[in-house]
């Protein structure tokens, strides 16, 4: 993946390539062997195949994958898992009633 940080004129300020195991938490990005904290400029995550020149275009910005790598808090993850467990239990009970 690529992490691109760009300014208000959409000029690329910094480009990180080949990053893996990415997690995004607001203005923080961590990956396999690095991290950035307190990012003040706009940034996007892209697949390695996307070509980026000196400036990012609207087309490139629309390919941002940042939402796919949002870090979920443990409380949110726990809540989601409990909801899925309850739904599964209800489905199993429904199936047993049909038998």
N, C-alpha and C. Protein backbone atom coordinates (compact mmCIF):
# COMPACT_ATOMS: atom_id res chain seq x y z
N UNK A 1 0.84 -1.18 0.00
CA UNK A 1 0.00 0.00 0.00
C UNK A 1 0.88 1.24 0.00
N UNK A 2 0.23 2.35 -0.32
CA UNK A 2 0.89 3.65 -0.29
C UNK A 2 0.15 4.57 0.66
N UNK A 3 0.90 5.34 1.42
CA UNK A 3 0.36 6.40 2.25
C UNK A 3 0.85 7.70 1.66
N UNK A 4 -0.09 8.56 1.26
CA UNK A 4 0.26 9.84 0.65
C UNK A 4 -0.26 10.95 1.53
N UNK A 5 0.62 11.83 1.93
CA UNK A 5 0.25 13.03 2.68
C UNK A 5 0.35 14.20 1.72
N UNK A 6 -0.71 15.02 1.68
CA UNK A 6 -0.72 16.13 0.73
C UNK A 6 -1.26 17.40 1.39
N UNK A 7 -0.89 18.54 0.81
CA UNK A 7 -1.27 19.83 1.39
C UNK A 7 -2.58 20.34 0.79
N UNK A 8 -2.95 21.57 1.14
CA UNK A 8 -4.22 22.14 0.69
C UNK A 8 -4.27 22.35 -0.82
N UNK A 9 -3.12 22.44 -1.46
CA UNK A 9 -3.07 22.58 -2.92
C UNK A 9 -2.96 21.21 -3.60
N UNK A 10 -3.12 20.17 -2.80
CA UNK A 10 -3.05 18.77 -3.26
C UNK A 10 -1.67 18.36 -3.75
N UNK A 11 -0.65 19.09 -3.35
CA UNK A 11 0.71 18.73 -3.68
C UNK A 11 1.19 17.67 -2.69
N UNK A 12 1.80 16.59 -3.23
CA UNK A 12 2.29 15.51 -2.38
C UNK A 12 3.43 16.03 -1.51
N UNK A 13 3.25 15.90 -0.20
CA UNK A 13 4.27 16.32 0.76
C UNK A 13 5.17 15.15 1.12
N UNK A 14 4.56 13.98 1.31
CA UNK A 14 5.33 12.79 1.69
C UNK A 14 4.63 11.56 1.14
N UNK A 15 5.42 10.61 0.67
CA UNK A 15 4.90 9.36 0.11
C UNK A 15 5.61 8.19 0.77
N UNK A 16 4.83 7.29 1.35
CA UNK A 16 5.36 6.06 1.94
C UNK A 16 4.84 4.91 1.08
N UNK A 17 5.73 4.06 0.61
CA UNK A 17 5.34 2.96 -0.25
C UNK A 17 5.66 1.62 0.42
N UNK A 18 4.95 0.59 -0.01
CA UNK A 18 5.21 -0.76 0.47
C UNK A 18 4.83 -0.99 1.92
N UNK A 19 3.89 -0.23 2.43
CA UNK A 19 3.48 -0.43 3.82
C UNK A 19 2.45 -1.55 3.89
N UNK A 20 2.48 -2.29 5.01
CA UNK A 20 1.57 -3.42 5.20
C UNK A 20 1.00 -3.39 6.60
N UNK A 21 -0.06 -4.14 6.81
CA UNK A 21 -0.74 -4.22 8.11
C UNK A 21 -1.06 -2.82 8.64
N UNK A 22 -1.79 -2.07 7.87
CA UNK A 22 -2.10 -0.68 8.17
C UNK A 22 -3.29 -0.57 9.12
N UNK A 23 -3.20 0.36 10.06
CA UNK A 23 -4.31 0.71 10.95
C UNK A 23 -4.39 2.23 11.00
N UNK A 24 -5.62 2.74 10.87
CA UNK A 24 -5.84 4.18 10.89
C UNK A 24 -6.71 4.53 12.08
N UNK A 25 -6.30 5.52 12.84
CA UNK A 25 -7.06 6.01 13.98
C UNK A 25 -6.99 7.52 13.98
N UNK A 26 -7.98 8.17 13.34
CA UNK A 26 -8.04 9.62 13.21
C UNK A 26 -6.78 10.17 12.54
N UNK A 27 -5.91 10.84 13.32
CA UNK A 27 -4.71 11.44 12.75
C UNK A 27 -3.46 10.59 12.96
N UNK A 28 -3.67 9.29 13.20
CA UNK A 28 -2.56 8.38 13.42
C UNK A 28 -2.65 7.22 12.42
N UNK A 29 -1.51 6.85 11.87
CA UNK A 29 -1.44 5.70 10.98
C UNK A 29 -0.26 4.85 11.43
N UNK A 30 -0.52 3.57 11.63
CA UNK A 30 0.55 2.64 11.98
C UNK A 30 0.59 1.55 10.92
N UNK A 31 1.77 1.00 10.71
CA UNK A 31 1.93 -0.11 9.78
C UNK A 31 3.06 -0.98 10.26
N UNK A 32 3.38 -2.03 9.50
CA UNK A 32 4.29 -3.09 9.93
C UNK A 32 5.59 -2.59 10.56
N UNK A 33 6.21 -1.57 10.00
CA UNK A 33 7.48 -1.12 10.57
C UNK A 33 7.55 0.40 10.70
N UNK A 34 6.40 1.02 10.94
CA UNK A 34 6.41 2.47 11.10
C UNK A 34 5.10 3.00 11.62
N UNK A 35 5.11 4.29 11.91
CA UNK A 35 3.91 4.96 12.40
C UNK A 35 4.07 6.46 12.25
N UNK A 36 2.94 7.12 12.09
CA UNK A 36 2.89 8.57 12.09
C UNK A 36 1.79 8.99 13.05
N UNK A 37 2.10 9.89 13.96
CA UNK A 37 1.13 10.35 14.94
C UNK A 37 0.90 11.85 14.75
N UNK A 38 -0.31 12.28 14.93
CA UNK A 38 -0.63 13.70 14.87
C UNK A 38 -0.49 14.30 13.48
N UNK A 39 -0.96 13.58 12.46
CA UNK A 39 -0.88 14.08 11.09
C UNK A 39 -1.80 15.29 10.95
N UNK A 40 -1.25 16.41 10.55
CA UNK A 40 -2.02 17.65 10.44
C UNK A 40 -2.54 17.91 9.03
N UNK A 41 -1.98 17.25 8.04
CA UNK A 41 -2.40 17.44 6.66
C UNK A 41 -3.33 16.31 6.24
N UNK A 42 -3.94 16.46 5.09
CA UNK A 42 -4.78 15.39 4.54
C UNK A 42 -3.90 14.24 4.10
N UNK A 43 -4.44 13.02 4.21
CA UNK A 43 -3.70 11.85 3.74
C UNK A 43 -4.68 10.82 3.21
N UNK A 44 -4.15 9.97 2.33
CA UNK A 44 -4.93 8.89 1.75
C UNK A 44 -4.10 7.62 1.72
N UNK A 45 -4.79 6.49 1.70
CA UNK A 45 -4.16 5.19 1.52
C UNK A 45 -4.59 4.64 0.17
N UNK A 46 -3.63 4.14 -0.58
CA UNK A 46 -3.93 3.64 -1.92
C UNK A 46 -3.27 2.28 -2.14
N UNK A 47 -3.84 1.53 -3.07
CA UNK A 47 -3.18 0.30 -3.52
C UNK A 47 -1.87 0.67 -4.20
N UNK A 48 -0.93 -0.25 -4.19
CA UNK A 48 0.38 0.00 -4.80
C UNK A 48 0.29 0.31 -6.29
N UNK A 49 -0.74 -0.23 -6.97
CA UNK A 49 -0.86 -0.04 -8.41
C UNK A 49 -1.23 1.39 -8.82
N UNK A 50 -1.80 2.15 -7.90
CA UNK A 50 -2.24 3.51 -8.23
C UNK A 50 -1.02 4.41 -8.38
N UNK A 51 -0.95 5.08 -9.52
CA UNK A 51 0.19 5.96 -9.78
C UNK A 51 -0.11 7.36 -9.27
N UNK A 52 0.84 7.92 -8.54
CA UNK A 52 0.69 9.26 -7.98
C UNK A 52 1.85 10.11 -8.46
N UNK A 53 1.51 11.28 -8.99
CA UNK A 53 2.54 12.19 -9.47
C UNK A 53 2.82 13.26 -8.41
N UNK A 54 3.13 14.46 -8.81
CA UNK A 54 3.45 15.53 -7.86
C UNK A 54 2.22 16.01 -7.09
N UNK A 55 1.06 15.91 -7.74
CA UNK A 55 -0.19 16.33 -7.10
C UNK A 55 -1.19 15.19 -7.16
N UNK A 56 -2.08 15.15 -6.16
CA UNK A 56 -3.13 14.14 -6.17
C UNK A 56 -4.37 14.75 -6.82
N UNK A 57 -4.98 13.99 -7.69
CA UNK A 57 -6.18 14.46 -8.37
C UNK A 57 -7.42 13.96 -7.61
N UNK A 58 -8.56 14.47 -7.99
CA UNK A 58 -9.82 14.03 -7.39
C UNK A 58 -10.03 12.53 -7.63
N UNK A 59 -9.64 12.08 -8.80
CA UNK A 59 -9.76 10.66 -9.14
C UNK A 59 -8.93 9.80 -8.19
N UNK A 60 -7.73 10.24 -7.86
CA UNK A 60 -6.87 9.50 -6.94
C UNK A 60 -7.46 9.55 -5.53
N UNK A 61 -7.94 10.70 -5.10
CA UNK A 61 -8.52 10.85 -3.77
C UNK A 61 -9.73 9.93 -3.61
N UNK A 62 -10.50 9.76 -4.67
CA UNK A 62 -11.68 8.90 -4.62
C UNK A 62 -11.32 7.42 -4.45
N UNK A 63 -10.07 7.06 -4.66
CA UNK A 63 -9.62 5.68 -4.49
C UNK A 63 -9.07 5.41 -3.08
N UNK A 64 -9.22 6.39 -2.19
CA UNK A 64 -8.72 6.28 -0.82
C UNK A 64 -9.31 5.06 -0.11
N UNK A 65 -8.46 4.27 0.52
CA UNK A 65 -8.86 3.06 1.24
C UNK A 65 -8.82 3.22 2.76
N UNK A 66 -8.66 4.44 3.22
CA UNK A 66 -8.51 4.71 4.65
C UNK A 66 -9.65 4.12 5.49
N UNK A 67 -10.88 4.20 5.01
CA UNK A 67 -12.02 3.68 5.76
C UNK A 67 -11.93 2.17 6.00
N UNK A 68 -11.28 1.46 5.08
CA UNK A 68 -11.15 0.01 5.21
C UNK A 68 -10.18 -0.40 6.31
N UNK A 69 -9.37 0.54 6.77
CA UNK A 69 -8.33 0.21 7.74
C UNK A 69 -8.50 0.95 9.06
N UNK A 70 -9.71 1.44 9.31
CA UNK A 70 -9.97 2.13 10.58
C UNK A 70 -9.82 1.15 11.73
N UNK A 71 -9.10 1.59 12.75
CA UNK A 71 -8.92 0.77 13.94
C UNK A 71 -10.18 0.85 14.78
N UNK A 72 -10.68 -0.29 15.20
CA UNK A 72 -11.90 -0.34 16.01
C UNK A 72 -11.50 -0.44 17.47
N UNK A 73 -12.15 0.36 18.30
CA UNK A 73 -11.86 0.28 19.73
C UNK A 73 -12.31 -1.07 20.26
N UNK A 74 -11.70 -1.51 21.33
CA UNK A 74 -12.05 -2.80 21.90
C UNK A 74 -13.51 -2.83 22.35
N UNK A 75 -14.02 -1.70 22.84
CA UNK A 75 -15.42 -1.65 23.26
C UNK A 75 -16.35 -1.84 22.07
N UNK A 76 -16.05 -1.18 20.96
CA UNK A 76 -16.88 -1.32 19.76
C UNK A 76 -16.79 -2.74 19.21
N UNK A 77 -15.59 -3.28 19.18
CA UNK A 77 -15.43 -4.63 18.68
C UNK A 77 -16.18 -5.63 19.55
N UNK A 78 -16.10 -5.45 20.85
CA UNK A 78 -16.80 -6.33 21.78
C UNK A 78 -18.31 -6.24 21.58
N UNK A 79 -18.83 -5.03 21.41
CA UNK A 79 -20.25 -4.83 21.18
C UNK A 79 -20.69 -5.51 19.89
N UNK A 80 -19.90 -5.35 18.82
CA UNK A 80 -20.22 -5.98 17.54
C UNK A 80 -20.22 -7.50 17.65
N UNK A 81 -19.25 -8.04 18.37
CA UNK A 81 -19.19 -9.49 18.54
C UNK A 81 -20.38 -10.02 19.34
N UNK A 82 -20.78 -9.28 20.37
CA UNK A 82 -21.95 -9.69 21.16
C UNK A 82 -23.21 -9.67 20.31
N UNK A 83 -23.36 -8.65 19.47
CA UNK A 83 -24.53 -8.57 18.59
C UNK A 83 -24.55 -9.74 17.61
N UNK A 84 -23.41 -10.08 17.06
CA UNK A 84 -23.34 -11.21 16.13
C UNK A 84 -23.64 -12.53 16.85
N UNK A 85 -23.16 -12.67 18.07
CA UNK A 85 -23.42 -13.88 18.85
C UNK A 85 -24.91 -14.01 19.14
N UNK A 86 -25.55 -12.91 19.54
CA UNK A 86 -26.99 -12.95 19.82
C UNK A 86 -27.78 -13.30 18.57
N UNK A 87 -27.40 -12.74 17.42
CA UNK A 87 -28.08 -13.04 16.17
C UNK A 87 -27.91 -14.51 15.80
N UNK A 88 -26.73 -15.05 16.03
CA UNK A 88 -26.46 -16.46 15.74
C UNK A 88 -27.29 -17.35 16.66
N UNK A 89 -27.35 -17.00 17.94
CA UNK A 89 -28.15 -17.78 18.89
C UNK A 89 -29.62 -17.79 18.48
N UNK A 90 -30.14 -16.65 18.06
CA UNK A 90 -31.53 -16.57 17.63
C UNK A 90 -31.77 -17.42 16.40
N UNK A 91 -30.83 -17.43 15.47
CA UNK A 91 -30.96 -18.23 14.26
C UNK A 91 -30.96 -19.72 14.61
N UNK A 92 -30.09 -20.13 15.52
CA UNK A 92 -30.03 -21.53 15.93
C UNK A 92 -31.34 -21.93 16.61
N UNK A 93 -31.86 -21.08 17.48
CA UNK A 93 -33.13 -21.38 18.15
C UNK A 93 -34.27 -21.50 17.15
N UNK A 94 -34.28 -20.64 16.17
CA UNK A 94 -35.30 -20.69 15.12
C UNK A 94 -35.22 -22.00 14.34
N UNK A 95 -34.01 -22.41 14.02
CA UNK A 95 -33.83 -23.67 13.31
C UNK A 95 -34.28 -24.86 14.15
N UNK A 96 -33.98 -24.83 15.45
CA UNK A 96 -34.39 -25.93 16.32
C UNK A 96 -35.90 -26.01 16.45
N UNK A 97 -36.57 -24.87 16.43
CA UNK A 97 -38.04 -24.85 16.50
C UNK A 97 -38.66 -25.47 15.25
N UNK A 98 -37.98 -25.35 14.12
CA UNK A 98 -38.49 -25.89 12.88
C UNK A 98 -38.38 -27.41 12.83
N UNK A 99 -37.52 -27.97 13.64
CA UNK A 99 -37.29 -29.43 13.61
C UNK A 99 -38.34 -30.16 14.36
